[in-house]
Protein backbone atom coordinates (compact mmCIF):
# COMPACT_ATOMS: atom_id res chain seq x y z
CA UNK A 1 -151.95 -5.70 -82.96
CA UNK A 2 -149.53 -7.63 -84.84
CA UNK A 3 -145.92 -6.36 -85.35
CA UNK A 4 -143.42 -7.55 -87.84
CA UNK A 5 -139.89 -8.08 -87.30
CA UNK A 6 -138.53 -9.25 -90.30
CA UNK A 7 -137.03 -5.89 -91.13
CA UNK A 8 -136.53 -4.57 -87.45
CA UNK A 9 -139.71 -2.61 -87.60
CA UNK A 10 -140.49 -1.98 -83.92
CA UNK A 11 -142.05 0.99 -81.60
CA UNK A 12 -138.84 3.27 -82.19
CA UNK A 13 -139.46 2.96 -86.18
CA UNK A 14 -143.17 3.82 -85.60
CA UNK A 15 -142.57 6.64 -83.52
CA UNK A 16 -139.85 8.00 -86.19
CA UNK A 17 -142.29 7.51 -88.99
CA UNK A 18 -144.79 9.41 -87.09
CA UNK A 19 -142.29 12.15 -86.45
CA UNK A 20 -141.58 12.45 -90.13
CA UNK A 21 -144.98 12.72 -90.84
CA UNK A 22 -146.04 15.30 -88.59
CA UNK A 23 -142.83 17.43 -87.75
CA UNK A 24 -141.78 17.61 -91.49
CA UNK A 25 -145.39 18.03 -92.80
CA UNK A 26 -145.83 21.10 -90.68
CA UNK A 27 -142.32 22.48 -91.23
CA UNK A 28 -142.81 22.14 -94.90
CA UNK A 29 -146.09 23.71 -95.15
CA UNK A 30 -145.44 26.54 -92.69
CA UNK A 31 -142.35 27.42 -94.52
CA UNK A 32 -143.83 27.48 -98.12
CA UNK A 33 -146.84 29.74 -96.48
CA UNK A 34 -144.28 32.45 -95.58
CA UNK A 35 -145.22 35.88 -97.29
CA UNK A 36 -142.13 35.72 -99.45
CA UNK A 37 -142.26 32.79 -101.79
CA UNK A 38 -138.29 33.00 -102.51
CA UNK A 39 -137.78 32.94 -98.76
CA UNK A 40 -140.09 30.22 -97.97
CA UNK A 41 -138.93 28.10 -100.92
CA UNK A 42 -135.26 28.47 -99.72
CA UNK A 43 -136.12 27.42 -96.10
CA UNK A 44 -138.22 24.68 -97.46
CA UNK A 45 -135.25 23.28 -99.35
CA UNK A 46 -132.80 23.44 -96.59
CA UNK A 47 -135.08 21.59 -94.27
CA UNK A 48 -136.25 19.29 -97.17
CA UNK A 49 -132.85 18.21 -97.90
CA UNK A 50 -132.15 16.80 -94.61
CA UNK A 51 -135.64 15.34 -94.53
CA UNK A 52 -135.14 13.54 -97.69
CA UNK A 53 -131.89 12.01 -96.68
CA UNK A 54 -133.42 10.89 -93.60
CA UNK A 55 -136.65 9.41 -95.40
CA UNK A 56 -134.44 7.43 -97.99
CA UNK A 57 -132.40 5.73 -95.04
CA UNK A 58 -135.64 5.19 -93.07
CA UNK A 59 -137.58 3.42 -95.98
CA UNK A 60 -134.61 1.14 -96.92
CA UNK A 61 -134.72 -0.21 -93.41
CA UNK A 62 -138.46 -0.32 -92.75
CA UNK A 63 -140.03 -1.23 -96.06
CA UNK A 64 -143.59 -1.55 -94.34
CA UNK A 65 -143.97 2.08 -94.02
CA UNK A 66 -143.47 2.93 -97.89
CA UNK A 67 -147.12 2.47 -98.72
CA UNK A 68 -148.31 5.03 -95.98
CA UNK A 69 -145.50 7.40 -96.51
CA UNK A 70 -146.31 7.50 -100.21
CA UNK A 71 -149.79 8.51 -99.24
CA UNK A 72 -148.21 11.55 -97.68
CA UNK A 73 -146.07 12.21 -100.72
CA UNK A 74 -149.15 12.14 -102.93
CA UNK A 75 -151.51 14.29 -101.05
CA UNK A 76 -149.53 16.85 -98.99
CA UNK A 77 -147.61 18.78 -101.80
CA UNK A 78 -151.11 19.68 -103.08
CA UNK A 79 -152.53 21.33 -99.91
CA UNK A 80 -154.34 24.36 -100.56
CA UNK A 81 -152.52 26.32 -98.02
CA UNK A 82 -149.36 26.41 -100.25
CA UNK A 83 -149.06 29.29 -102.00
CA UNK A 84 -147.83 27.90 -105.52
CA UNK A 85 -149.73 27.10 -108.45
CA UNK A 86 -151.08 23.55 -108.23
CA UNK A 87 -149.71 22.58 -111.67
CA UNK A 88 -146.28 23.43 -110.42
CA UNK A 89 -146.17 21.46 -107.36
CA UNK A 90 -144.30 18.49 -108.92
CA UNK A 91 -141.46 20.40 -107.97
CA UNK A 92 -142.39 19.31 -104.15
CA UNK A 93 -143.70 15.90 -104.93
CA UNK A 94 -141.02 14.51 -107.19
CA UNK A 95 -138.28 14.87 -104.84
CA UNK A 96 -140.25 13.13 -101.97
CA UNK A 97 -141.28 10.36 -104.38
CA UNK A 98 -137.44 9.87 -105.37
CA UNK A 99 -136.15 9.71 -101.75
CA UNK A 100 -138.89 7.02 -101.09
CA UNK A 101 -138.83 4.79 -104.36
CA UNK A 102 -135.11 4.94 -105.77
CA UNK A 103 -133.71 3.33 -102.71
CA UNK A 104 -136.12 0.34 -103.42
CA UNK A 105 -134.86 -0.19 -107.12
CA UNK A 106 -131.93 -2.21 -106.07
CA UNK A 107 -133.87 -4.41 -103.88
CA UNK A 108 -136.48 -5.09 -106.56
CA UNK A 109 -134.33 -5.89 -109.16
CA UNK A 110 -132.21 -8.48 -106.73
CA UNK A 111 -135.41 -10.17 -105.95
CA UNK A 112 -136.29 -10.93 -109.42
CA UNK A 113 -140.06 -10.35 -108.72
CA UNK A 114 -140.53 -7.88 -111.68
CA UNK A 115 -139.42 -10.76 -114.22
CA UNK A 116 -142.09 -13.22 -112.57
CA UNK A 117 -145.73 -13.81 -113.26
CA UNK A 118 -147.99 -11.07 -113.80
CA UNK A 119 -145.26 -8.69 -112.67
CA UNK A 120 -143.76 -9.20 -115.87
CA UNK A 121 -147.05 -8.78 -117.70
CA UNK A 122 -147.12 -5.27 -116.03
CA UNK A 123 -143.52 -4.70 -117.28
CA UNK A 124 -144.62 -5.27 -120.75
CA UNK A 125 -147.56 -3.05 -120.26
CA UNK A 126 -145.31 -0.04 -119.01
CA UNK A 127 -142.94 -0.83 -122.07
CA UNK A 128 -145.94 -0.35 -124.56
CA UNK A 129 -146.90 2.81 -122.47
CA UNK A 130 -143.23 4.04 -122.97
CA UNK A 131 -143.72 3.60 -126.85
CA UNK A 132 -147.06 5.65 -126.78
CA UNK A 133 -145.08 8.86 -125.65
CA UNK A 134 -143.82 8.88 -129.12
CA UNK A 135 -146.96 9.62 -130.82
CA UNK A 136 -148.86 11.07 -127.53
CA UNK A 137 -151.05 14.30 -127.63
CA UNK A 138 -148.96 15.61 -125.14
CA UNK A 139 -145.62 13.82 -125.02
CA UNK A 140 -144.19 16.01 -121.90
CA UNK A 141 -147.09 15.06 -119.90
CA UNK A 142 -146.98 11.45 -120.64
CA UNK A 143 -143.34 11.12 -119.85
CA UNK A 144 -143.75 13.16 -116.69
CA UNK A 145 -146.59 10.89 -115.61
CA UNK A 146 -144.97 7.48 -116.81
CA UNK A 147 -141.61 7.82 -115.08
CA UNK A 148 -143.43 8.25 -111.47
CA UNK A 149 -146.00 5.35 -112.20
CA UNK A 150 -143.05 3.08 -112.99
CA UNK A 151 -141.10 4.23 -109.94
CA UNK A 152 -144.09 3.68 -107.76
CA UNK A 153 -144.64 0.25 -109.28
CA UNK A 154 -141.04 -0.80 -108.61
CA UNK A 155 -140.99 0.74 -105.02
CA UNK A 156 -144.19 -1.30 -104.12
CA UNK A 157 -142.47 -4.36 -105.66
CA UNK A 158 -139.76 -4.34 -103.48
CA UNK A 159 -141.82 -3.72 -100.35
CA UNK A 160 -143.88 -6.83 -101.46
CA UNK A 161 -141.08 -9.20 -102.48
CA UNK A 162 -140.07 -10.47 -99.26
CA UNK A 163 -143.55 -11.06 -97.47
CA UNK A 164 -144.34 -14.46 -96.76
CA UNK A 165 -147.38 -14.41 -94.49
CA UNK A 166 -150.61 -12.69 -94.01
CA UNK A 167 -149.64 -10.92 -90.71
CA UNK A 168 -147.10 -8.85 -92.87
CA UNK A 169 -149.65 -7.56 -95.33
CA UNK A 170 -151.82 -6.37 -92.45
CA UNK A 171 -148.80 -4.63 -90.79
CA UNK A 172 -148.70 -2.98 -94.20
CA UNK A 173 -152.08 -2.09 -94.20
CA UNK A 174 -151.78 -0.72 -90.58
CA UNK A 175 -148.89 1.63 -91.23
CA UNK A 176 -150.95 2.85 -94.23
CA UNK A 177 -153.94 3.68 -91.88
CA UNK A 178 -151.33 5.49 -89.35
CA UNK A 179 -150.49 7.67 -92.57
CA UNK A 180 -154.18 8.17 -93.56
CA UNK A 181 -154.83 9.26 -90.11
CA UNK A 182 -152.20 12.19 -90.37
CA UNK A 183 -154.31 13.38 -93.44
CA UNK A 184 -157.67 12.85 -91.50
CA UNK A 185 -156.17 14.75 -88.57
CA UNK A 186 -155.10 17.60 -90.94
CA UNK A 187 -158.69 17.73 -92.35
CA UNK A 188 -160.11 18.03 -88.87
CA UNK A 189 -157.94 20.98 -87.89
CA UNK A 190 -158.90 22.61 -91.16
CA UNK A 191 -162.60 22.13 -90.46
CA UNK A 192 -162.11 24.37 -87.32
CA UNK A 193 -159.22 26.48 -88.00
CA UNK A 194 -159.16 27.43 -92.07
CA UNK A 195 -161.44 30.15 -93.45
CA UNK A 196 -164.41 28.49 -95.26
CA UNK A 197 -163.29 30.30 -98.59
CA UNK A 198 -160.38 27.64 -98.24
CA UNK A 199 -162.00 24.71 -96.84
CA UNK A 200 -165.28 24.72 -98.71
CA UNK A 201 -165.41 24.58 -102.67
CA UNK A 202 -168.63 25.35 -104.67
CA UNK A 203 -168.13 22.82 -107.50
CA UNK A 204 -171.65 23.23 -109.29
CA UNK A 205 -173.52 26.57 -109.51
CA UNK A 206 -176.54 26.74 -107.43
CA UNK A 207 -175.76 23.93 -105.03
CA UNK A 208 -174.50 24.36 -101.65
CA UNK A 209 -170.47 24.25 -101.31
CA UNK A 210 -168.75 20.89 -100.18
CA UNK A 211 -166.26 20.42 -97.59
CA UNK A 212 -162.78 19.83 -99.29
CA UNK A 213 -160.52 20.62 -96.31
CA UNK A 214 -156.87 21.26 -97.01
CA UNK A 215 -157.62 20.31 -100.81
CA UNK A 216 -159.14 21.67 -103.62
CA UNK A 217 -161.58 18.68 -104.44
CA UNK A 218 -163.86 17.03 -102.12
CA UNK A 219 -163.29 13.95 -103.91
CA UNK A 220 -160.11 13.22 -101.77
CA UNK A 221 -162.31 12.84 -99.04
CA UNK A 222 -164.35 10.22 -100.84
CA UNK A 223 -161.24 8.15 -101.69
CA UNK A 224 -160.17 8.41 -98.01
CA UNK A 225 -163.30 7.01 -96.93
CA UNK A 226 -162.94 3.76 -99.31
CA UNK A 227 -159.44 3.01 -98.49
CA UNK A 228 -159.66 3.75 -94.52
CA UNK A 229 -162.74 1.77 -94.13
CA UNK A 230 -161.84 -0.81 -96.56
CA UNK A 231 -158.30 -1.38 -95.05
CA UNK A 232 -159.67 -0.80 -91.33
CA UNK A 233 -162.27 -3.50 -92.04
CA UNK A 234 -159.49 -6.09 -93.10
CA UNK A 235 -157.23 -5.31 -89.89
CA UNK A 236 -160.21 -4.90 -87.56
CA UNK A 237 -160.39 -8.43 -86.26
CA UNK A 238 -156.49 -8.43 -85.52
CA UNK A 239 -156.34 -5.61 -83.26
CA UNK A 240 -157.72 -4.93 -79.96
CA UNK A 241 -157.73 -2.57 -77.06
CA UNK A 242 -156.87 0.98 -77.69
CA UNK A 243 -155.49 0.08 -81.13
CA UNK A 244 -159.29 -1.16 -82.09
CA UNK A 245 -160.67 2.27 -80.46
CA UNK A 246 -158.17 4.09 -82.73
CA UNK A 247 -159.03 2.16 -85.80
CA UNK A 248 -162.60 2.64 -85.02
CA UNK A 249 -162.17 6.52 -84.63
CA UNK A 250 -160.26 6.74 -87.90
CA UNK A 251 -163.35 4.85 -89.56
CA UNK A 252 -165.81 7.22 -88.01
CA UNK A 253 -163.89 10.22 -88.86
CA UNK A 254 -163.14 9.26 -92.17
CA UNK A 255 -167.02 8.66 -92.73
CA UNK A 256 -168.32 11.80 -91.05
CA UNK A 257 -165.83 14.10 -93.50
CA UNK A 258 -166.96 12.16 -96.66
CA UNK A 259 -170.69 12.87 -95.59
CA UNK A 260 -169.74 16.38 -95.00
CA UNK A 261 -168.03 16.63 -98.20
CA UNK A 262 -170.99 14.93 -99.95
CA UNK A 263 -169.08 12.16 -101.57
CA UNK A 264 -172.10 9.78 -102.59
CA UNK A 265 -169.68 7.64 -104.87
CA UNK A 266 -167.58 6.37 -101.94
CA UNK A 267 -170.30 5.36 -99.80
CA UNK A 268 -171.90 3.38 -102.84
CA UNK A 269 -168.71 1.60 -103.74
CA UNK A 270 -168.49 0.54 -99.98
CA UNK A 271 -171.87 -0.72 -100.08
CA UNK A 272 -171.27 -2.80 -103.12
CA UNK A 273 -168.20 -4.46 -101.49
CA UNK A 274 -169.81 -4.83 -98.23
CA UNK A 275 -172.90 -6.45 -99.49
CA UNK A 276 -170.64 -9.12 -101.64
CA UNK A 277 -168.44 -9.87 -98.45
CA UNK A 278 -171.60 -10.29 -96.24
CA UNK A 279 -172.88 -12.95 -98.64
CA UNK A 280 -169.59 -14.46 -99.26
CA UNK A 281 -168.78 -14.80 -95.59
CA UNK A 282 -172.26 -15.71 -94.20
CA UNK A 283 -174.16 -17.05 -96.89
CA UNK A 284 -177.87 -16.94 -96.45
CA UNK A 285 -177.76 -14.68 -93.05
CA UNK A 286 -175.71 -12.28 -95.12
CA UNK A 287 -177.94 -12.18 -97.82
CA UNK A 288 -181.04 -11.77 -95.58
CA UNK A 289 -179.07 -8.74 -93.50
CA UNK A 290 -178.51 -7.11 -97.04
CA UNK A 291 -181.87 -7.14 -98.07
CA UNK A 292 -182.93 -6.02 -94.52
CA UNK A 293 -180.67 -3.20 -94.70
CA UNK A 294 -181.87 -2.31 -98.29
CA UNK A 295 -185.32 -2.24 -96.83
CA UNK A 296 -184.34 0.23 -93.92
CA UNK A 297 -182.42 2.38 -96.57
CA UNK A 298 -185.59 2.52 -98.74
CA UNK A 299 -187.71 3.30 -95.97
CA UNK A 300 -185.34 6.27 -95.06
CA UNK A 301 -185.39 7.52 -98.49
CA UNK A 302 -189.26 7.47 -98.53
CA UNK A 303 -189.41 9.49 -95.15
CA UNK A 304 -187.03 12.12 -96.61
CA UNK A 305 -188.53 15.52 -97.52
CA UNK A 306 -188.86 16.23 -101.40
CA UNK A 307 -186.24 18.86 -101.25
CA UNK A 308 -183.54 16.50 -99.71
CA UNK A 309 -184.36 13.72 -102.03
CA UNK A 310 -183.85 16.09 -104.89
CA UNK A 311 -180.78 17.11 -103.44
CA UNK A 312 -179.32 13.51 -103.04
CA UNK A 313 -180.60 12.47 -106.41
CA UNK A 314 -178.97 15.63 -108.29
CA UNK A 315 -177.02 14.48 -111.24
CA UNK A 316 -178.23 10.69 -111.11
CA UNK A 317 -179.80 10.67 -114.63
CA UNK A 318 -176.65 11.50 -116.38
CA UNK A 319 -174.09 10.93 -113.52
CA UNK A 320 -173.18 14.61 -113.21
CA UNK A 321 -172.76 15.01 -116.83
CA UNK A 322 -170.33 11.83 -117.05
CA UNK A 323 -172.47 9.81 -119.55
CA UNK A 324 -172.27 12.66 -122.23
CA UNK A 325 -168.51 12.55 -121.75
CA UNK A 326 -168.28 8.93 -121.89
CA UNK A 327 -170.19 8.46 -125.44
CA UNK A 328 -167.66 10.91 -126.73
CA UNK A 329 -164.80 8.84 -125.06
CA UNK A 330 -165.95 5.60 -126.70
CA UNK A 331 -166.33 7.44 -129.87
CA UNK A 332 -162.54 8.50 -129.79
CA UNK A 333 -161.69 4.69 -128.83
CA UNK A 334 -163.33 3.80 -132.14
CA UNK A 335 -160.94 6.10 -133.86
CA UNK A 336 -157.60 4.58 -132.21
CA UNK A 337 -158.57 1.11 -130.93
CA UNK A 338 -155.07 -0.17 -131.13
CA UNK A 339 -152.81 2.58 -130.44
CA UNK A 340 -154.57 4.83 -128.25
CA UNK A 341 -153.81 8.73 -127.70
CA UNK A 342 -150.72 8.45 -125.47
CA UNK A 343 -150.15 7.47 -121.89
CA UNK A 344 -152.47 9.24 -119.38
CA UNK A 345 -153.40 12.08 -121.37
CA UNK A 346 -156.52 11.07 -122.14
CA UNK A 347 -158.02 14.20 -121.04
CA UNK A 348 -156.28 16.04 -124.10
CA UNK A 349 -159.20 14.48 -126.38
CA UNK A 350 -161.80 17.04 -124.93
CA UNK A 351 -159.85 19.72 -126.96
CA UNK A 352 -161.63 18.11 -130.00
CA UNK A 353 -164.00 20.79 -131.59
CA UNK A 354 -166.34 17.93 -131.91
CA UNK A 355 -166.97 17.59 -128.10
CA UNK A 356 -170.18 19.25 -127.22
CA UNK A 357 -169.59 20.60 -123.79
CA UNK A 358 -167.07 23.51 -123.76
CA UNK A 359 -167.39 24.24 -120.02
CA UNK A 360 -164.51 25.41 -118.19
CA UNK A 361 -163.99 21.89 -116.55
CA UNK A 362 -163.41 20.07 -119.74
CA UNK A 363 -160.91 22.60 -120.99
CA UNK A 364 -158.06 21.72 -118.90
CA UNK A 365 -156.24 19.53 -121.48
CA UNK A 366 -154.43 16.66 -120.19
CA UNK A 367 -155.58 17.37 -116.71
CA UNK A 368 -158.94 16.85 -117.27
CA UNK A 369 -160.36 13.73 -115.78
CA UNK A 370 -162.34 11.36 -117.80
CA UNK A 371 -164.31 10.03 -114.41
CA UNK A 372 -163.75 6.36 -115.80
CA UNK A 373 -160.55 4.53 -115.07
CA UNK A 374 -161.06 1.89 -117.45
CA UNK A 375 -162.05 4.11 -120.49
CA UNK A 376 -158.96 6.28 -119.37
CA UNK A 377 -156.54 3.38 -119.91
CA UNK A 378 -158.10 2.44 -123.34
CA UNK A 379 -157.81 5.94 -124.44
CA UNK A 380 -154.42 6.21 -123.41
CA UNK A 381 -152.69 3.11 -124.55
CA UNK A 382 -155.31 1.11 -126.81
CA UNK A 383 -157.62 -1.66 -126.43
CA UNK A 384 -154.92 -4.63 -126.46
CA UNK A 385 -152.83 -2.92 -123.72
CA UNK A 386 -155.96 -2.55 -121.59
CA UNK A 387 -157.03 -6.05 -121.87
CA UNK A 388 -153.38 -7.08 -120.89
CA UNK A 389 -153.68 -4.77 -117.80
CA UNK A 390 -156.84 -6.56 -117.03
CA UNK A 391 -155.88 -10.18 -117.56
CA UNK A 392 -152.74 -9.30 -115.48
CA UNK A 393 -154.82 -7.69 -112.69
CA UNK A 394 -157.49 -9.86 -112.42
CA UNK A 395 -155.57 -13.51 -112.54
CA UNK A 396 -154.07 -13.62 -109.10
CA UNK A 397 -157.92 -13.08 -107.78
CA UNK A 398 -159.34 -15.58 -109.96
CA UNK A 399 -156.71 -17.90 -108.87
CA UNK A 400 -157.32 -17.12 -105.17
CA UNK A 401 -161.05 -17.57 -105.28
CA UNK A 402 -160.71 -20.65 -107.36
CA UNK A 403 -159.07 -22.51 -104.35
CA UNK A 404 -160.10 -23.09 -100.96
CA UNK A 405 -156.79 -22.17 -99.14
CA UNK A 406 -156.80 -18.50 -97.83
CA UNK A 407 -153.95 -18.29 -95.31
CA UNK A 408 -153.50 -14.56 -95.75
CA UNK A 409 -157.10 -13.94 -95.80
CA UNK A 410 -156.78 -12.28 -98.97
CA UNK A 411 -160.32 -12.93 -99.85
CA UNK A 412 -161.75 -10.67 -97.52
CA UNK A 413 -159.38 -8.03 -98.74
CA UNK A 414 -160.65 -8.38 -102.32
CA UNK A 415 -164.29 -7.82 -101.28
CA UNK A 416 -163.78 -4.92 -98.88
CA UNK A 417 -160.97 -3.22 -100.68
CA UNK A 418 -160.40 -4.36 -104.14
CA UNK A 419 -164.09 -4.46 -105.28
CA UNK A 420 -164.96 -0.80 -103.78
CA UNK A 421 -161.68 0.43 -105.52
CA UNK A 422 -162.86 -0.88 -108.92
CA UNK A 423 -166.40 0.24 -108.42
CA UNK A 424 -165.10 3.50 -107.68
CA UNK A 425 -163.04 3.80 -110.94
CA UNK A 426 -166.09 3.46 -112.94
CA UNK A 427 -166.90 6.99 -112.09
CA UNK A 428 -163.71 8.46 -111.17
CA UNK A 429 -160.16 8.46 -112.65
CA UNK A 430 -157.42 7.10 -112.49
CA UNK A 431 -157.40 3.48 -112.44
CA UNK A 432 -153.81 3.61 -113.93
CA UNK A 433 -151.35 5.23 -113.39
CA UNK A 434 -150.67 4.48 -109.81
CA UNK A 435 -151.93 7.62 -107.78
CA UNK A 436 -153.41 9.08 -104.74
CA UNK A 437 -154.38 6.71 -101.80
CA UNK A 438 -156.63 4.63 -103.68
CA UNK A 439 -154.42 3.63 -106.51
CA UNK A 440 -151.46 3.19 -104.11
CA UNK A 441 -153.65 0.84 -101.95
CA UNK A 442 -155.19 -0.96 -105.15
CA UNK A 443 -151.78 -1.79 -106.59
CA UNK A 444 -150.54 -2.99 -103.14
CA UNK A 445 -153.38 -5.37 -102.54
CA UNK A 446 -153.02 -6.72 -106.22
CA UNK A 447 -149.15 -7.35 -105.58
CA UNK A 448 -149.87 -9.11 -102.14
CA UNK A 449 -152.32 -11.36 -104.06
CA UNK A 450 -149.97 -12.07 -106.77
CA UNK A 451 -146.98 -12.71 -104.49
CA UNK A 452 -149.22 -15.40 -102.76
CA UNK A 453 -150.08 -16.89 -106.02
CA UNK A 454 -146.47 -17.18 -107.25
CA UNK A 455 -145.50 -18.59 -103.55
CA UNK A 456 -148.22 -21.24 -103.88
CA UNK A 457 -147.15 -22.15 -107.48
CA UNK A 458 -143.62 -22.76 -105.94
CA UNK A 459 -144.84 -24.77 -103.17
CA UNK A 460 -146.92 -26.87 -105.67
CA UNK A 461 -143.80 -27.43 -107.85
CA UNK A 462 -141.72 -28.49 -104.71
CA UNK A 463 -143.98 -31.25 -103.81
CA UNK A 464 -142.34 -34.71 -104.51
CA UNK A 465 -145.11 -36.95 -105.89
CA UNK A 466 -146.11 -40.00 -103.72
CA UNK A 467 -144.72 -43.07 -104.72
CA UNK A 468 -147.15 -45.45 -106.55
CA UNK A 469 -147.84 -48.37 -104.09
CA UNK A 470 -148.15 -50.86 -107.22
CA UNK A 471 -144.67 -49.69 -108.21
CA UNK A 472 -143.16 -50.49 -104.76
CA UNK A 473 -144.91 -53.92 -104.64
CA UNK A 474 -143.09 -54.69 -108.11
CA UNK A 475 -139.59 -53.48 -106.86
CA UNK A 476 -140.07 -56.27 -104.16
CA UNK A 477 -139.23 -58.75 -106.84
CA UNK A 478 -136.32 -57.10 -108.90
CA UNK A 479 -135.24 -58.83 -111.96
CA UNK A 480 -131.84 -60.44 -111.83
């Protein structure tokens, strides 16, 4: 495994990070699960203050761990074993987020990266998002979601600002996978230790419950599948021995848990990314392999019983009710195409009396998912800001594939990680703000590609043009 040294990352740092991921997590969950909420919260606060101080110092010296630790920050406060209202869990999440990202702000500012290239375009995007909070359908929710998004963006920018080689990008991904492994381990414990009433959720009447583990929704396992398999595939050629075996185990566990959770979207997204990668990497052989895989999949489908096909094909006609919601969302965009309805409160539009489905799922206000990250941005901040977001995001990838040079091996990351995540955003939210493992990894991959583009642009600008031979010949006969 490649290990970076530019920030003093070493085996001791890895041990410390694993310690805070396991011991602090177990302590916080145990304390907050005590019978008395006040007692649990008080003890958790005492343990938490010391942990947050240590966390700030650790991440300041070992920035490569930031992405992985943010995964724990995004997920663990919402574990269903914590006896608090999920809508009030921000009181646990925000202090951890601040401890991880605020120490990064001075470093990001000193680097100047936020005012360069497409980082500047995202700064303009977030400035407009701040303006939308003035007329937002839920101003408090917009502000409460915009500030963490900006903090996450700045923190990840500081992590990326100093990298100058592909090995550093892969080291960030490896640490990300370590922290995802902590979540997967907790899910495995939940599968054998938690009662089924807590670890299985029945989301659709008449259908079997789906495994959700320590979370309230099975979709988290679908997210983990995409990020673990994608990041693992990128790192796979660069690890060996027990590390490769461990990475293979993480991939297998994430796939098994996603299968039990019946997360079809994650497998489809990975299939699309994997197909594009195979064709890009192996050309005709890759295309033939994909065709063969499709034929095998078709044969397996035909061999299934009619009941199994009905179950697997459930909701395919309207994507489990998404198409009806999307039609309404497009209509709402037409009503406010330029300004939108306010940053990240797009679910509030379903409170409109004209929305045809009044089921409980669609009545959660700003917390309702649109199940489409692209429509979510357009409804929140308007079409012009959405186009700015898309251009800023796509530009470094276009630049990357337009050239032949790929010393950081970012093209494989684009096909194995970014394409599946962008595909997943077609049927799930959010694409923005930066949330959960998929949003964090997508943002970090984009930043790595943009950092590479900026470095290549600087390198090209610093090259001294070769002197024209004819000019040298003329200079052999200078005039008097």
